[in-house]
N, C-alpha and C. Protein backbone atom coordinates (compact mmCIF):
# COMPACT_ATOMS: atom_id res chain seq x y z
N UNK A 1 16.20 -28.19 -38.43
CA UNK A 1 15.60 -28.38 -37.15
C UNK A 1 15.37 -27.02 -36.50
N UNK A 2 14.20 -26.83 -35.91
CA UNK A 2 13.89 -25.56 -35.26
C UNK A 2 13.80 -25.80 -33.75
N UNK A 3 14.05 -24.75 -33.03
CA UNK A 3 14.02 -24.90 -31.57
C UNK A 3 12.72 -24.31 -31.02
N UNK A 4 12.20 -24.93 -30.02
CA UNK A 4 11.01 -24.46 -29.35
C UNK A 4 11.42 -23.65 -28.12
N UNK A 5 10.77 -22.51 -27.95
CA UNK A 5 11.08 -21.70 -26.77
C UNK A 5 10.22 -22.22 -25.62
N UNK A 6 10.87 -22.67 -24.58
CA UNK A 6 10.16 -23.20 -23.41
C UNK A 6 10.37 -22.25 -22.23
N UNK A 7 9.33 -22.15 -21.43
CA UNK A 7 9.45 -21.37 -20.21
C UNK A 7 10.23 -22.17 -19.18
N UNK A 8 11.01 -21.50 -18.36
CA UNK A 8 11.69 -22.22 -17.29
C UNK A 8 10.64 -22.79 -16.32
N UNK A 9 11.02 -23.77 -15.51
CA UNK A 9 10.05 -24.40 -14.60
C UNK A 9 9.40 -23.42 -13.63
N UNK A 10 10.04 -22.29 -13.37
CA UNK A 10 9.45 -21.31 -12.44
C UNK A 10 8.40 -20.46 -13.12
N UNK A 11 8.40 -20.38 -14.44
CA UNK A 11 7.47 -19.52 -15.16
C UNK A 11 7.96 -18.09 -15.26
N UNK A 12 9.18 -17.82 -14.82
CA UNK A 12 9.75 -16.48 -14.86
C UNK A 12 10.56 -16.37 -16.13
N UNK A 13 10.30 -15.32 -16.91
CA UNK A 13 10.95 -15.19 -18.21
C UNK A 13 12.12 -14.22 -18.17
N UNK A 14 11.87 -12.99 -17.70
CA UNK A 14 12.90 -11.96 -17.84
C UNK A 14 13.44 -11.43 -16.51
N UNK A 15 12.93 -11.89 -15.41
CA UNK A 15 13.37 -11.41 -14.10
C UNK A 15 14.38 -12.39 -13.50
N UNK A 16 15.54 -11.90 -13.05
CA UNK A 16 16.49 -12.81 -12.41
C UNK A 16 15.95 -13.30 -11.07
N UNK A 17 16.13 -14.56 -10.79
CA UNK A 17 15.58 -15.18 -9.59
C UNK A 17 16.52 -15.04 -8.38
N UNK A 18 17.82 -15.01 -8.61
CA UNK A 18 18.78 -15.01 -7.51
C UNK A 18 18.57 -13.86 -6.53
N UNK A 19 18.36 -12.61 -6.97
CA UNK A 19 18.14 -11.54 -5.97
C UNK A 19 16.90 -11.79 -5.11
N UNK A 20 15.88 -12.39 -5.68
CA UNK A 20 14.67 -12.68 -4.92
C UNK A 20 14.91 -13.79 -3.90
N UNK A 21 15.76 -14.74 -4.25
CA UNK A 21 16.13 -15.79 -3.30
C UNK A 21 16.88 -15.19 -2.13
N UNK A 22 17.84 -14.30 -2.43
CA UNK A 22 18.59 -13.64 -1.36
C UNK A 22 17.66 -12.83 -0.46
N UNK A 23 16.72 -12.11 -1.08
CA UNK A 23 15.80 -11.28 -0.30
C UNK A 23 14.93 -12.13 0.63
N UNK A 24 14.38 -13.22 0.12
CA UNK A 24 13.53 -14.05 0.96
C UNK A 24 14.35 -14.79 2.02
N UNK A 25 15.58 -15.13 1.72
CA UNK A 25 16.46 -15.71 2.74
C UNK A 25 16.71 -14.70 3.86
N UNK A 26 16.94 -13.45 3.48
CA UNK A 26 17.17 -12.41 4.48
C UNK A 26 15.93 -12.23 5.35
N UNK A 27 14.75 -12.20 4.74
CA UNK A 27 13.52 -12.07 5.51
C UNK A 27 13.31 -13.27 6.42
N UNK A 28 13.61 -14.48 5.92
CA UNK A 28 13.47 -15.68 6.75
C UNK A 28 14.47 -15.65 7.92
N UNK A 29 15.66 -15.16 7.66
CA UNK A 29 16.66 -15.04 8.72
C UNK A 29 16.18 -14.08 9.80
N UNK A 30 15.62 -12.94 9.38
CA UNK A 30 15.10 -11.97 10.34
C UNK A 30 13.95 -12.55 11.15
N UNK A 31 13.10 -13.31 10.49
CA UNK A 31 11.99 -13.93 11.19
C UNK A 31 12.51 -14.92 12.24
N UNK A 32 13.58 -15.63 11.90
CA UNK A 32 14.18 -16.57 12.84
C UNK A 32 14.81 -15.83 14.03
N UNK A 33 15.56 -14.76 13.73
CA UNK A 33 16.28 -14.03 14.77
C UNK A 33 15.31 -13.27 15.68
N UNK A 34 14.32 -12.59 15.09
CA UNK A 34 13.47 -11.69 15.88
C UNK A 34 12.18 -12.34 16.38
N UNK A 35 11.71 -13.37 15.69
CA UNK A 35 10.45 -13.99 16.09
C UNK A 35 10.61 -15.47 16.46
N UNK A 36 11.86 -15.97 16.40
CA UNK A 36 12.18 -17.35 16.73
C UNK A 36 11.33 -18.33 15.90
N UNK A 37 11.12 -18.00 14.65
CA UNK A 37 10.34 -18.85 13.74
C UNK A 37 11.27 -19.44 12.69
N UNK A 38 11.38 -20.75 12.69
CA UNK A 38 12.22 -21.44 11.71
C UNK A 38 11.32 -21.97 10.60
N UNK A 39 11.44 -21.37 9.43
CA UNK A 39 10.61 -21.76 8.30
C UNK A 39 11.18 -22.95 7.54
N UNK A 40 10.46 -23.38 6.57
CA UNK A 40 10.83 -24.48 5.71
C UNK A 40 11.59 -23.93 4.50
N UNK A 41 12.77 -24.47 4.14
CA UNK A 41 13.52 -23.96 2.99
C UNK A 41 12.72 -23.99 1.69
N UNK A 42 11.87 -24.99 1.52
CA UNK A 42 11.06 -25.05 0.31
C UNK A 42 10.09 -23.87 0.25
N UNK A 43 9.54 -23.47 1.41
CA UNK A 43 8.65 -22.32 1.45
C UNK A 43 9.38 -21.03 1.09
N UNK A 44 10.63 -20.92 1.55
CA UNK A 44 11.43 -19.73 1.23
C UNK A 44 11.64 -19.64 -0.28
N UNK A 45 11.95 -20.78 -0.90
CA UNK A 45 12.14 -20.78 -2.35
C UNK A 45 10.84 -20.44 -3.08
N UNK A 46 9.73 -20.98 -2.62
CA UNK A 46 8.44 -20.67 -3.24
C UNK A 46 8.10 -19.19 -3.08
N UNK A 47 8.43 -18.61 -1.93
CA UNK A 47 8.19 -17.18 -1.74
C UNK A 47 9.04 -16.35 -2.70
N UNK A 48 10.28 -16.77 -2.92
CA UNK A 48 11.17 -16.06 -3.84
C UNK A 48 10.62 -16.12 -5.27
N UNK A 49 10.17 -17.28 -5.68
CA UNK A 49 9.60 -17.44 -7.02
C UNK A 49 8.33 -16.59 -7.15
N UNK A 50 7.50 -16.61 -6.12
CA UNK A 50 6.27 -15.81 -6.14
C UNK A 50 6.57 -14.32 -6.24
N UNK A 51 7.55 -13.86 -5.48
CA UNK A 51 7.91 -12.44 -5.52
C UNK A 51 8.47 -12.06 -6.89
N UNK A 52 9.29 -12.93 -7.48
CA UNK A 52 9.84 -12.65 -8.80
C UNK A 52 8.74 -12.61 -9.86
N UNK A 53 7.78 -13.52 -9.76
CA UNK A 53 6.65 -13.51 -10.70
C UNK A 53 5.83 -12.23 -10.55
N UNK A 54 5.57 -11.86 -9.30
CA UNK A 54 4.79 -10.65 -9.04
C UNK A 54 5.50 -9.43 -9.62
N UNK A 55 6.81 -9.36 -9.45
CA UNK A 55 7.62 -8.26 -9.98
C UNK A 55 7.52 -8.24 -11.50
N UNK A 56 7.65 -9.39 -12.11
CA UNK A 56 7.61 -9.47 -13.57
C UNK A 56 6.24 -9.06 -14.11
N UNK A 57 5.18 -9.54 -13.49
CA UNK A 57 3.83 -9.19 -13.93
C UNK A 57 3.59 -7.69 -13.76
N UNK A 58 4.05 -7.12 -12.66
CA UNK A 58 3.85 -5.69 -12.42
C UNK A 58 4.55 -4.86 -13.48
N UNK A 59 5.73 -5.28 -13.90
CA UNK A 59 6.46 -4.52 -14.91
C UNK A 59 5.87 -4.69 -16.30
N UNK A 60 5.30 -5.83 -16.58
CA UNK A 60 4.63 -6.02 -17.86
C UNK A 60 3.39 -5.14 -17.91
N UNK A 61 2.65 -5.05 -16.82
CA UNK A 61 1.45 -4.21 -16.78
C UNK A 61 1.81 -2.74 -16.93
N UNK A 62 2.90 -2.30 -16.35
CA UNK A 62 3.31 -0.91 -16.47
C UNK A 62 3.60 -0.58 -17.93
N UNK A 63 4.27 -1.48 -18.62
CA UNK A 63 4.61 -1.23 -20.02
C UNK A 63 3.37 -1.19 -20.91
N UNK A 64 2.30 -1.86 -20.54
CA UNK A 64 1.09 -1.91 -21.36
C UNK A 64 0.15 -0.74 -21.11
N UNK A 65 0.40 0.07 -20.09
CA UNK A 65 -0.48 1.19 -19.79
C UNK A 65 -0.43 2.21 -20.92
N UNK A 66 -1.58 2.81 -21.25
CA UNK A 66 -1.57 3.85 -22.27
C UNK A 66 -0.84 5.09 -21.76
N UNK A 67 -0.22 5.80 -22.68
CA UNK A 67 0.47 7.02 -22.30
C UNK A 67 -0.54 8.12 -22.01
N UNK A 68 -0.17 9.05 -21.18
CA UNK A 68 -1.08 10.13 -20.82
C UNK A 68 -1.14 10.24 -19.31
N UNK A 69 -1.66 11.33 -18.84
CA UNK A 69 -1.73 11.56 -17.41
C UNK A 69 -2.90 10.80 -16.81
N UNK A 70 -2.69 10.19 -15.65
CA UNK A 70 -3.82 9.59 -14.95
C UNK A 70 -4.80 10.68 -14.51
N UNK A 71 -6.04 10.32 -14.32
CA UNK A 71 -7.07 11.27 -13.96
C UNK A 71 -6.73 12.06 -12.71
N UNK A 72 -6.16 11.39 -11.68
CA UNK A 72 -5.86 12.08 -10.43
C UNK A 72 -4.89 13.24 -10.62
N UNK A 73 -3.95 13.09 -11.56
CA UNK A 73 -2.96 14.14 -11.75
C UNK A 73 -3.53 15.32 -12.51
N UNK A 74 -4.63 15.13 -13.24
CA UNK A 74 -5.22 16.22 -13.99
C UNK A 74 -6.23 17.01 -13.16
N UNK A 75 -6.65 16.48 -12.03
CA UNK A 75 -7.58 17.19 -11.18
C UNK A 75 -6.88 18.35 -10.48
N UNK A 76 -7.58 19.46 -10.36
CA UNK A 76 -7.03 20.64 -9.69
C UNK A 76 -7.35 20.56 -8.20
N UNK A 77 -6.35 20.22 -7.41
CA UNK A 77 -6.53 20.12 -5.96
C UNK A 77 -5.80 21.28 -5.30
N UNK A 78 -6.34 21.75 -4.17
CA UNK A 78 -5.68 22.83 -3.45
C UNK A 78 -4.86 22.33 -2.27
N UNK A 79 -5.03 21.05 -1.92
CA UNK A 79 -4.29 20.49 -0.79
C UNK A 79 -3.89 19.05 -1.08
N UNK A 80 -2.77 18.64 -0.52
CA UNK A 80 -2.33 17.26 -0.60
C UNK A 80 -2.18 16.74 0.82
N UNK A 81 -2.86 15.62 1.09
CA UNK A 81 -2.80 15.01 2.42
C UNK A 81 -2.08 13.67 2.32
N UNK A 82 -1.04 13.50 3.10
CA UNK A 82 -0.28 12.25 3.10
C UNK A 82 -0.42 11.61 4.47
N UNK A 83 -0.66 10.29 4.46
CA UNK A 83 -0.83 9.58 5.73
C UNK A 83 0.10 8.38 5.76
N UNK A 84 0.43 7.94 6.98
CA UNK A 84 1.28 6.77 7.15
C UNK A 84 1.05 6.21 8.54
N UNK A 85 1.47 4.96 8.71
CA UNK A 85 1.32 4.29 10.00
C UNK A 85 2.53 3.40 10.25
N UNK A 86 2.83 3.22 11.51
CA UNK A 86 3.85 2.26 11.95
C UNK A 86 3.14 1.28 12.88
N UNK A 87 3.38 -0.02 12.66
CA UNK A 87 2.65 -1.04 13.41
C UNK A 87 3.62 -2.01 14.07
N UNK A 88 3.34 -2.37 15.29
CA UNK A 88 4.15 -3.34 16.03
C UNK A 88 3.46 -4.69 16.02
N UNK A 89 4.10 -5.69 15.45
CA UNK A 89 3.53 -7.03 15.39
C UNK A 89 3.47 -7.69 16.76
N UNK A 90 4.39 -7.34 17.64
CA UNK A 90 4.40 -7.98 18.95
C UNK A 90 3.38 -7.35 19.90
N UNK A 91 3.25 -6.04 19.90
CA UNK A 91 2.34 -5.36 20.82
C UNK A 91 0.98 -5.06 20.21
N UNK A 92 0.87 -5.15 18.89
CA UNK A 92 -0.35 -4.78 18.16
C UNK A 92 -0.76 -3.34 18.43
N UNK A 93 0.23 -2.48 18.58
CA UNK A 93 0.04 -1.05 18.72
C UNK A 93 0.46 -0.39 17.41
N UNK A 94 -0.05 0.81 17.17
CA UNK A 94 0.32 1.52 15.95
C UNK A 94 0.44 3.00 16.24
N UNK A 95 1.30 3.64 15.47
CA UNK A 95 1.40 5.10 15.47
C UNK A 95 0.86 5.59 14.13
N UNK A 96 -0.07 6.52 14.18
CA UNK A 96 -0.70 7.05 12.98
C UNK A 96 -0.29 8.50 12.80
N UNK A 97 -0.08 8.92 11.56
CA UNK A 97 0.24 10.32 11.33
C UNK A 97 -0.25 10.75 9.96
N UNK A 98 -0.43 12.05 9.81
CA UNK A 98 -0.81 12.63 8.54
C UNK A 98 -0.31 14.06 8.48
N UNK A 99 -0.13 14.54 7.26
CA UNK A 99 0.25 15.93 7.03
C UNK A 99 -0.53 16.43 5.83
N UNK A 100 -1.04 17.65 5.94
CA UNK A 100 -1.79 18.28 4.85
C UNK A 100 -1.03 19.54 4.47
N UNK A 101 -0.71 19.66 3.19
CA UNK A 101 0.01 20.83 2.71
C UNK A 101 -0.76 21.49 1.58
N UNK A 102 -0.62 22.81 1.52
CA UNK A 102 -1.10 23.60 0.40
C UNK A 102 -0.13 24.78 0.27
N UNK A 103 -0.28 25.62 -0.74
CA UNK A 103 0.71 26.70 -0.92
C UNK A 103 0.84 27.64 0.28
N UNK A 104 -0.21 27.80 1.07
CA UNK A 104 -0.16 28.76 2.17
C UNK A 104 0.36 28.17 3.48
N UNK A 105 0.09 26.89 3.74
CA UNK A 105 0.40 26.34 5.06
C UNK A 105 0.50 24.83 5.02
N UNK A 106 0.92 24.29 6.13
CA UNK A 106 0.85 22.84 6.32
C UNK A 106 0.45 22.59 7.77
N UNK A 107 -0.27 21.50 7.96
CA UNK A 107 -0.64 21.11 9.31
C UNK A 107 -0.53 19.59 9.40
N UNK A 108 -0.43 19.09 10.60
CA UNK A 108 -0.22 17.66 10.76
C UNK A 108 -0.90 17.18 12.03
N UNK A 109 -1.00 15.86 12.11
CA UNK A 109 -1.56 15.25 13.30
C UNK A 109 -0.97 13.87 13.49
N UNK A 110 -1.01 13.40 14.72
CA UNK A 110 -0.49 12.06 15.01
C UNK A 110 -1.19 11.54 16.25
N UNK A 111 -1.24 10.22 16.37
CA UNK A 111 -1.78 9.60 17.58
C UNK A 111 -1.35 8.14 17.63
N UNK A 112 -1.38 7.61 18.82
CA UNK A 112 -1.09 6.19 19.03
C UNK A 112 -2.39 5.45 19.29
N UNK A 113 -2.47 4.22 18.80
CA UNK A 113 -3.65 3.39 19.02
C UNK A 113 -3.21 1.98 19.41
N UNK A 114 -4.09 1.29 20.12
CA UNK A 114 -3.80 -0.07 20.58
C UNK A 114 -4.78 -1.06 19.98
N UNK A 115 -4.43 -2.33 20.09
CA UNK A 115 -5.27 -3.44 19.64
C UNK A 115 -5.54 -3.37 18.14
N UNK A 116 -4.51 -3.13 17.35
CA UNK A 116 -4.63 -3.03 15.90
C UNK A 116 -4.18 -4.37 15.31
N UNK A 117 -5.05 -5.05 14.55
CA UNK A 117 -4.75 -6.41 14.10
C UNK A 117 -3.72 -6.54 12.99
N UNK A 118 -3.50 -5.47 12.20
CA UNK A 118 -2.59 -5.62 11.06
C UNK A 118 -2.07 -4.26 10.62
N UNK A 119 -0.98 -4.26 9.84
CA UNK A 119 -0.46 -3.00 9.31
C UNK A 119 -1.46 -2.34 8.35
N UNK A 120 -2.24 -3.15 7.63
CA UNK A 120 -3.23 -2.60 6.70
C UNK A 120 -4.31 -1.80 7.45
N UNK A 121 -4.75 -2.32 8.57
CA UNK A 121 -5.74 -1.59 9.39
C UNK A 121 -5.13 -0.30 9.91
N UNK A 122 -3.87 -0.35 10.32
CA UNK A 122 -3.20 0.86 10.81
C UNK A 122 -3.12 1.91 9.69
N UNK A 123 -2.77 1.50 8.48
CA UNK A 123 -2.72 2.43 7.35
C UNK A 123 -4.10 3.02 7.08
N UNK A 124 -5.13 2.18 7.17
CA UNK A 124 -6.50 2.65 6.95
C UNK A 124 -6.92 3.68 7.99
N UNK A 125 -6.57 3.44 9.24
CA UNK A 125 -6.91 4.40 10.30
C UNK A 125 -6.18 5.73 10.10
N UNK A 126 -4.92 5.67 9.66
CA UNK A 126 -4.17 6.91 9.40
C UNK A 126 -4.82 7.71 8.27
N UNK A 127 -5.23 7.02 7.21
CA UNK A 127 -5.89 7.71 6.09
C UNK A 127 -7.23 8.28 6.54
N UNK A 128 -7.98 7.52 7.33
CA UNK A 128 -9.26 8.02 7.84
C UNK A 128 -9.05 9.29 8.67
N UNK A 129 -8.01 9.32 9.50
CA UNK A 129 -7.71 10.52 10.29
C UNK A 129 -7.42 11.71 9.38
N UNK A 130 -6.67 11.48 8.30
CA UNK A 130 -6.34 12.56 7.36
C UNK A 130 -7.59 13.09 6.67
N UNK A 131 -8.47 12.19 6.25
CA UNK A 131 -9.71 12.61 5.58
C UNK A 131 -10.59 13.40 6.55
N UNK A 132 -10.71 12.91 7.78
CA UNK A 132 -11.52 13.60 8.79
C UNK A 132 -10.95 14.99 9.09
N UNK A 133 -9.64 15.10 9.17
CA UNK A 133 -9.01 16.39 9.45
C UNK A 133 -9.27 17.38 8.32
N UNK A 134 -9.15 16.92 7.09
CA UNK A 134 -9.39 17.81 5.94
C UNK A 134 -10.86 18.25 5.89
N UNK A 135 -11.75 17.34 6.22
CA UNK A 135 -13.17 17.69 6.24
C UNK A 135 -13.44 18.72 7.34
N UNK A 136 -12.86 18.52 8.51
CA UNK A 136 -13.05 19.45 9.63
C UNK A 136 -12.48 20.83 9.32
N UNK A 137 -11.42 20.87 8.52
CA UNK A 137 -10.80 22.15 8.15
C UNK A 137 -11.55 22.84 7.01
N UNK A 138 -12.54 22.17 6.44
CA UNK A 138 -13.34 22.76 5.38
C UNK A 138 -12.65 22.78 4.02
N UNK A 139 -11.70 21.91 3.83
CA UNK A 139 -11.01 21.85 2.54
C UNK A 139 -11.98 21.31 1.49
N UNK A 140 -11.81 21.76 0.24
CA UNK A 140 -12.76 21.40 -0.82
C UNK A 140 -12.17 20.47 -1.88
N UNK A 141 -10.88 20.58 -2.17
CA UNK A 141 -10.26 19.79 -3.23
C UNK A 141 -8.95 19.20 -2.70
N UNK A 142 -8.95 17.91 -2.42
CA UNK A 142 -7.81 17.28 -1.75
C UNK A 142 -7.41 16.00 -2.48
N UNK A 143 -6.10 15.79 -2.58
CA UNK A 143 -5.57 14.51 -3.04
C UNK A 143 -4.95 13.83 -1.83
N UNK A 144 -5.45 12.64 -1.52
CA UNK A 144 -4.94 11.87 -0.39
C UNK A 144 -3.94 10.86 -0.91
N UNK A 145 -2.78 10.79 -0.25
CA UNK A 145 -1.72 9.88 -0.67
C UNK A 145 -1.36 8.95 0.48
N UNK A 146 -1.16 7.67 0.13
CA UNK A 146 -0.75 6.66 1.11
C UNK A 146 0.30 5.77 0.46
N UNK A 147 1.19 5.21 1.26
CA UNK A 147 2.18 4.28 0.71
C UNK A 147 1.64 2.85 0.68
N UNK A 148 0.36 2.67 1.01
CA UNK A 148 -0.26 1.36 0.98
C UNK A 148 -1.09 1.22 -0.30
N UNK A 149 -0.50 0.61 -1.31
CA UNK A 149 -1.22 0.42 -2.59
C UNK A 149 -2.46 -0.43 -2.38
N UNK A 150 -2.38 -1.39 -1.49
CA UNK A 150 -3.52 -2.27 -1.21
C UNK A 150 -4.69 -1.45 -0.65
N UNK A 151 -4.43 -0.55 0.25
CA UNK A 151 -5.47 0.30 0.82
C UNK A 151 -6.11 1.17 -0.26
N UNK A 152 -5.29 1.79 -1.09
CA UNK A 152 -5.82 2.67 -2.14
C UNK A 152 -6.70 1.88 -3.11
N UNK A 153 -6.30 0.65 -3.43
CA UNK A 153 -7.14 -0.19 -4.30
C UNK A 153 -8.53 -0.40 -3.69
N UNK A 154 -8.59 -0.63 -2.39
CA UNK A 154 -9.87 -0.83 -1.74
C UNK A 154 -10.71 0.44 -1.76
N UNK A 155 -10.06 1.58 -1.54
CA UNK A 155 -10.79 2.85 -1.55
C UNK A 155 -11.33 3.14 -2.95
N UNK A 156 -10.58 2.74 -3.96
CA UNK A 156 -10.99 3.02 -5.35
C UNK A 156 -11.99 2.00 -5.89
N UNK A 157 -12.41 1.04 -5.08
CA UNK A 157 -13.49 0.18 -5.53
C UNK A 157 -13.27 -1.31 -5.44
N UNK A 158 -12.04 -1.76 -5.22
CA UNK A 158 -11.84 -3.19 -5.03
C UNK A 158 -12.44 -3.59 -3.69
N UNK A 159 -13.00 -4.77 -3.60
CA UNK A 159 -13.64 -5.20 -2.36
C UNK A 159 -12.62 -5.29 -1.23
N UNK A 160 -12.94 -4.65 -0.13
CA UNK A 160 -12.04 -4.61 1.01
C UNK A 160 -12.19 -5.88 1.85
N UNK A 161 -11.09 -6.34 2.48
CA UNK A 161 -11.21 -7.46 3.39
C UNK A 161 -12.05 -7.05 4.61
N UNK A 162 -12.59 -8.01 5.28
CA UNK A 162 -13.50 -7.75 6.39
C UNK A 162 -12.88 -6.83 7.44
N UNK A 163 -11.60 -7.02 7.77
CA UNK A 163 -10.97 -6.21 8.80
C UNK A 163 -10.87 -4.73 8.42
N UNK A 164 -10.96 -4.42 7.14
CA UNK A 164 -10.81 -3.04 6.68
C UNK A 164 -12.13 -2.44 6.20
N UNK A 165 -13.15 -3.24 6.11
CA UNK A 165 -14.40 -2.81 5.48
C UNK A 165 -14.98 -1.54 6.14
N UNK A 166 -15.14 -1.53 7.45
CA UNK A 166 -15.72 -0.38 8.14
C UNK A 166 -14.88 0.87 7.98
N UNK A 167 -13.57 0.73 8.04
CA UNK A 167 -12.68 1.88 7.90
C UNK A 167 -12.79 2.44 6.48
N UNK A 168 -12.81 1.55 5.47
CA UNK A 168 -12.94 2.00 4.07
C UNK A 168 -14.27 2.72 3.86
N UNK A 169 -15.33 2.21 4.46
CA UNK A 169 -16.64 2.87 4.34
C UNK A 169 -16.61 4.25 5.01
N UNK A 170 -15.94 4.36 6.16
CA UNK A 170 -15.80 5.67 6.83
C UNK A 170 -15.07 6.65 5.92
N UNK A 171 -13.99 6.20 5.30
CA UNK A 171 -13.20 7.07 4.42
C UNK A 171 -14.06 7.55 3.26
N UNK A 172 -14.79 6.65 2.63
CA UNK A 172 -15.64 7.02 1.50
C UNK A 172 -16.76 7.97 1.94
N UNK A 173 -17.34 7.72 3.08
CA UNK A 173 -18.40 8.58 3.58
C UNK A 173 -17.88 9.98 3.88
N UNK A 174 -16.76 10.07 4.56
CA UNK A 174 -16.17 11.37 4.88
C UNK A 174 -15.74 12.12 3.62
N UNK A 175 -15.22 11.38 2.63
CA UNK A 175 -14.70 12.03 1.43
C UNK A 175 -15.81 12.56 0.52
N UNK A 176 -17.06 12.17 0.76
CA UNK A 176 -18.16 12.68 -0.06
C UNK A 176 -18.40 14.16 0.19
N UNK A 177 -17.83 14.74 1.24
CA UNK A 177 -17.99 16.16 1.53
C UNK A 177 -17.12 17.04 0.65
N UNK A 178 -16.14 16.47 -0.04
CA UNK A 178 -15.23 17.28 -0.86
C UNK A 178 -15.79 17.48 -2.27
N UNK A 179 -15.49 18.62 -2.85
CA UNK A 179 -15.88 18.88 -4.24
C UNK A 179 -15.03 18.04 -5.18
N UNK A 180 -13.73 17.98 -4.90
CA UNK A 180 -12.79 17.19 -5.69
C UNK A 180 -11.99 16.35 -4.69
N UNK A 181 -11.93 15.04 -4.93
CA UNK A 181 -11.16 14.16 -4.06
C UNK A 181 -10.50 13.09 -4.91
N UNK A 182 -9.26 12.80 -4.60
CA UNK A 182 -8.52 11.75 -5.30
C UNK A 182 -7.70 10.98 -4.28
N UNK A 183 -7.51 9.69 -4.56
CA UNK A 183 -6.70 8.83 -3.69
C UNK A 183 -5.58 8.25 -4.52
N UNK A 184 -4.35 8.36 -4.03
CA UNK A 184 -3.19 7.88 -4.76
C UNK A 184 -2.26 7.17 -3.81
C-alpha cells in the first residue's frame, strides 16, 4: 500500500500557521483597543491563513530567482535617495521625509501634509519629493529607495491604483531627467 501526499486544508505546506494566528490575533486586539472595532474570529483566522500563504509563496519565489546581481545593483550611481512617510489613520495627515547621500555630502528634507487618503499615497508623495529634490540639485545618477514594495512595483511598471496614478506619473516624469535612475 502506498500513501498519497495530501495538502492540508489551508493549502500551506511548509510554513507554520500558529505564529500567523498569533500575529493576526494581536492585530485584531489592537484594532479593538485603538479603533473600537470588533472583528469576526473567522475573518481573523482567514487573515492568518492568507498571511501564511503569502509568506510561503514569497519564499518559494526567492528560492527560484536566478543567481547574480540585480540590474539596479550593477548600475553606477553617485547618490542614494531614501524616502519614507508616516501616516495617521485618524487624522489623515502624513509626515514625509527623504535623505540623499553621496560620498561628499548628505542632505534631507521633510514636510507635513493633510488630507492623505492612505499610507501608500503618503509613501508616493515622499518618493516624489525625493525625486524632485535630486532633480533640482542637478544629480545625474541616483538610486531611489523606499520601504514600500508596493510603490516600487508601480514605479517599475505594474499598473498603479487610481489613488496613486498621478503621483506615479509625476515620479516617472521627473526621473526622466536623470542619466541613470533606479528604484529599489
